[in-house]
Amino acid sequence: MGGMGEDGGRYFLSQMIDVLSYMQGKGVVHRDLKLENILVDDNLNLKIADFGFATYKKIDRLKSYRGTMTYMAPEIKEGKTYNGK
């Protein structure tokens, strides 16, 4: 298919910002957001998948080691308390 160009990138980025804002408004932290968990439907709408590590409890003081190592923030790898927001 080739590159999507700036307009395509803006289109998908706008959708990602919308979905992350929605999740934040609901107090949900995904904790495993990566390319493999971002799906695109036939109408080019993004869908976030795999909420297996998601949480909505005490998201400002998380301690659990969750997610995919290569996408994980350093503070999570170090076992520090982190803010899921």
Protein backbone atom coordinates (compact mmCIF):
# COMPACT_ATOMS: atom_id res chain seq x y z
CA MET A 1 0.00 0.00 0.00
CA GLY A 2 2.89 2.37 0.59
CA GLY A 3 3.03 5.30 2.98
CA MET A 4 -0.09 7.00 4.26
CA GLY A 5 1.25 10.56 4.11
CA GLU A 6 0.66 13.40 6.54
CA ASP A 7 -3.12 13.53 6.05
CA GLY A 8 -3.47 9.82 6.81
CA GLY A 9 -1.19 10.13 9.82
CA ARG A 10 -3.25 13.05 11.17
CA TYR A 11 -6.45 11.07 10.62
CA PHE A 12 -5.24 8.11 12.69
CA LEU A 13 -3.50 10.27 15.31
CA SER A 14 -6.73 12.21 15.84
CA GLN A 15 -8.57 8.94 16.48
CA MET A 16 -5.87 7.78 18.94
CA ILE A 17 -6.09 11.06 20.85
CA ASP A 18 -9.89 10.71 21.01
CA VAL A 19 -9.80 7.13 22.30
CA LEU A 20 -7.08 7.87 24.88
CA SER A 21 -8.99 10.94 26.08
CA TYR A 22 -12.14 8.84 26.40
CA MET A 23 -10.32 6.16 28.39
CA GLN A 24 -8.72 8.77 30.65
CA GLY A 25 -12.13 10.37 31.22
CA LYS A 26 -13.44 6.98 32.35
CA GLY A 27 -10.38 6.42 34.57
CA VAL A 28 -9.19 3.38 32.61
CA VAL A 29 -5.51 2.53 32.08
CA HIS A 30 -4.79 0.02 29.28
CA ARG A 31 -1.23 -0.93 30.39
CA ASP A 32 -0.38 -2.82 27.18
CA LEU A 33 -0.95 -0.31 24.40
CA LYS A 34 1.20 -1.30 21.43
CA LEU A 35 0.86 -1.52 17.66
CA GLU A 36 -0.43 -5.09 17.81
CA ASN A 37 -3.35 -3.91 19.97
CA ILE A 38 -4.45 -1.15 17.60
CA LEU A 39 -6.79 -2.53 14.96
CA VAL A 40 -8.26 -0.84 11.87
CA ASP A 41 -11.74 -1.75 10.61
CA ASP A 42 -13.05 -1.64 7.02
CA ASN A 43 -14.01 2.04 7.43
CA LEU A 44 -10.49 2.96 8.63
CA ASN A 45 -11.64 3.44 12.23
CA LEU A 46 -9.17 2.51 14.96
CA LYS A 47 -10.17 -0.05 17.57
CA ILE A 48 -8.19 -0.68 20.73
CA ALA A 49 -7.95 -4.38 21.64
CA ASP A 50 -6.68 -6.58 24.48
CA PHE A 51 -7.76 -4.99 27.74
CA GLY A 52 -6.41 -7.96 29.71
CA PHE A 53 -4.03 -5.77 31.76
CA ALA A 54 -6.37 -2.78 31.95
CA THR A 55 -7.42 -1.39 35.31
CA TYR A 56 -9.50 1.42 36.75
CA LYS A 57 -8.57 1.00 40.43
CA LYS A 58 -6.04 3.29 42.14
CA ILE A 59 -4.52 4.28 38.79
CA ASP A 60 -2.51 7.12 40.34
CA ARG A 61 -0.43 4.66 42.43
CA LEU A 62 0.12 1.52 40.37
CA LYS A 63 2.80 -0.97 41.35
CA SER A 64 2.11 -4.08 39.30
CA TYR A 65 4.44 -5.23 36.53
CA ARG A 66 2.11 -5.39 33.51
CA GLY A 67 2.50 -4.98 29.77
CA THR A 68 4.96 -5.89 27.05
CA MET A 69 8.60 -5.42 28.05
CA THR A 70 9.68 -3.55 24.89
CA TYR A 71 6.87 -0.97 25.30
CA MET A 72 7.11 -0.64 29.08
CA ALA A 73 8.14 2.60 30.79
CA PRO A 74 11.40 2.44 32.78
CA GLU A 75 9.70 3.06 36.13
CA ILE A 76 7.57 -0.05 35.62
CA LYS A 77 10.63 -2.18 34.80
CA GLU A 78 12.33 -0.83 37.92
CA GLY A 79 9.37 -1.83 40.12
CA LYS A 80 8.60 1.75 41.14
CA THR A 81 5.12 3.06 41.92
CA TYR A 82 3.79 4.89 38.86
CA ASN A 83 0.86 7.02 37.84
CA GLY A 84 -1.24 5.27 35.19
CA LYS A 85 -2.59 8.57 33.88
